[in-house]
Amino acid sequence: RMTPREMLRFGALFEHGGVAPPGTPDAGRQVIPRAWIDSSWTPRGRSGYSGEAYGYGWWSRPTGAHTVHFAWGYGGQFVFVVAALDLVVVATSAS
């Protein structure tokens, strides 16, 4: 039930290590502990279907020289985070 802008803010929060990114009401404030970000991106299991690694709410996979962390929502909604590239991408779908 998040809008694409809310999904982008959510991804940016994780991409910035739990510090609210510029342009948000809490900009510069640590709102999620960095340890939780790191822990949520640490693989805890693997999908039997895709082989993707799974942490706490985030999937992860290596792509080229970087790791992509992604939240995969119902109906094809995605938040992709490549922290090493300072990159957050949101994708939505109607199916």
Protein backbone atom coordinates (compact mmCIF):
# COMPACT_ATOMS: atom_id res chain seq x y z
CA ARG A 1 0.00 0.00 0.00
CA MET A 2 2.97 2.34 -0.45
CA THR A 3 3.12 4.86 -3.23
CA PRO A 4 6.21 4.80 -5.48
CA ARG A 5 7.49 7.95 -3.70
CA GLU A 6 7.08 6.26 -0.31
CA MET A 7 8.86 3.17 -1.64
CA LEU A 8 11.70 5.39 -2.84
CA ARG A 9 11.99 7.07 0.58
CA PHE A 10 11.99 3.65 2.25
CA GLY A 11 14.80 2.44 -0.03
CA ALA A 12 16.76 5.67 0.47
CA LEU A 13 16.52 5.22 4.24
CA PHE A 14 18.18 1.81 3.93
CA GLU A 15 20.65 3.05 1.32
CA HIS A 16 21.75 5.81 3.73
CA GLY A 17 22.38 3.31 6.55
CA GLY A 18 19.23 4.18 8.49
CA VAL A 19 19.82 7.93 8.42
CA ALA A 20 16.87 9.86 7.01
CA PRO A 21 17.95 11.19 3.62
CA PRO A 22 17.95 14.85 2.58
CA GLY A 23 14.54 16.25 1.72
CA THR A 24 12.69 14.21 4.34
CA PRO A 25 11.22 15.58 7.59
CA ASP A 26 13.85 13.82 9.73
CA ALA A 27 16.81 14.47 7.39
CA GLY A 28 20.14 13.61 8.98
CA ARG A 29 18.59 11.77 11.95
CA GLN A 30 19.37 8.08 12.59
CA VAL A 31 15.87 6.54 12.50
CA ILE A 32 16.86 2.88 12.01
CA PRO A 33 19.99 1.53 13.73
CA ARG A 34 22.81 0.79 11.28
CA ALA A 35 23.19 -2.62 12.89
CA TRP A 36 19.60 -3.46 11.87
CA ILE A 37 20.27 -2.43 8.26
CA ASP A 38 23.34 -4.67 8.15
CA SER A 39 21.50 -7.52 9.86
CA SER A 40 18.50 -7.28 7.55
CA TRP A 41 20.77 -7.53 4.50
CA THR A 42 22.66 -10.55 5.89
CA PRO A 43 21.39 -13.73 4.17
CA ARG A 44 19.45 -16.02 6.53
CA GLY A 45 18.17 -18.46 3.94
CA ARG A 46 17.75 -19.08 0.23
CA SER A 47 14.72 -19.40 -2.03
CA GLY A 48 14.10 -22.93 -3.24
CA TYR A 49 12.65 -21.46 -6.43
CA SER A 50 15.03 -18.69 -7.48
CA GLY A 51 18.11 -19.42 -5.36
CA GLU A 52 18.10 -15.79 -4.16
CA ALA A 53 19.50 -15.11 -0.68
CA TYR A 54 17.00 -13.77 1.86
CA GLY A 55 17.56 -11.70 5.00
CA TYR A 56 14.98 -9.88 7.13
CA GLY A 57 12.58 -8.58 4.47
CA TRP A 58 15.28 -8.17 1.82
CA TRP A 59 16.51 -10.38 -0.98
CA SER A 60 20.13 -10.03 -2.11
CA ARG A 61 22.08 -11.03 -5.17
CA PRO A 62 25.43 -10.16 -6.69
CA THR A 63 25.19 -8.30 -9.99
CA GLY A 64 28.45 -7.46 -11.68
CA ALA A 65 30.77 -5.93 -9.09
CA HIS A 66 27.98 -4.96 -6.67
CA THR A 67 25.36 -6.52 -4.44
CA VAL A 68 21.75 -5.59 -5.09
CA HIS A 69 19.36 -5.73 -2.13
CA PHE A 70 15.69 -5.73 -3.02
CA ALA A 71 12.34 -5.74 -1.32
CA TRP A 72 9.82 -7.73 -3.36
CA GLY A 73 6.21 -6.84 -2.72
CA TYR A 74 2.90 -8.32 -3.73
CA GLY A 75 1.99 -7.92 -7.40
CA GLY A 76 5.45 -7.09 -8.71
CA GLN A 77 6.38 -4.10 -6.56
CA PHE A 78 10.14 -3.77 -6.03
CA VAL A 79 12.59 -1.53 -4.19
CA PHE A 80 16.17 -2.10 -5.40
CA VAL A 81 19.10 -0.72 -3.39
CA VAL A 82 22.73 -0.70 -4.56
CA ALA A 83 24.39 1.11 -1.67
CA ALA A 84 27.84 1.08 -3.29
CA LEU A 85 26.45 3.13 -6.18
CA ASP A 86 24.21 5.39 -4.07
CA LEU A 87 21.31 3.98 -6.09
CA VAL A 88 17.67 3.26 -5.28
CA VAL A 89 15.25 2.12 -7.98
CA VAL A 90 11.52 1.51 -7.57
CA ALA A 91 9.42 -0.59 -9.93
CA THR A 92 5.68 -1.10 -9.77
CA SER A 93 3.29 -3.32 -11.67
CA ALA A 94 -0.45 -3.74 -12.00
CA SER A 95 -0.29 -7.54 -12.21
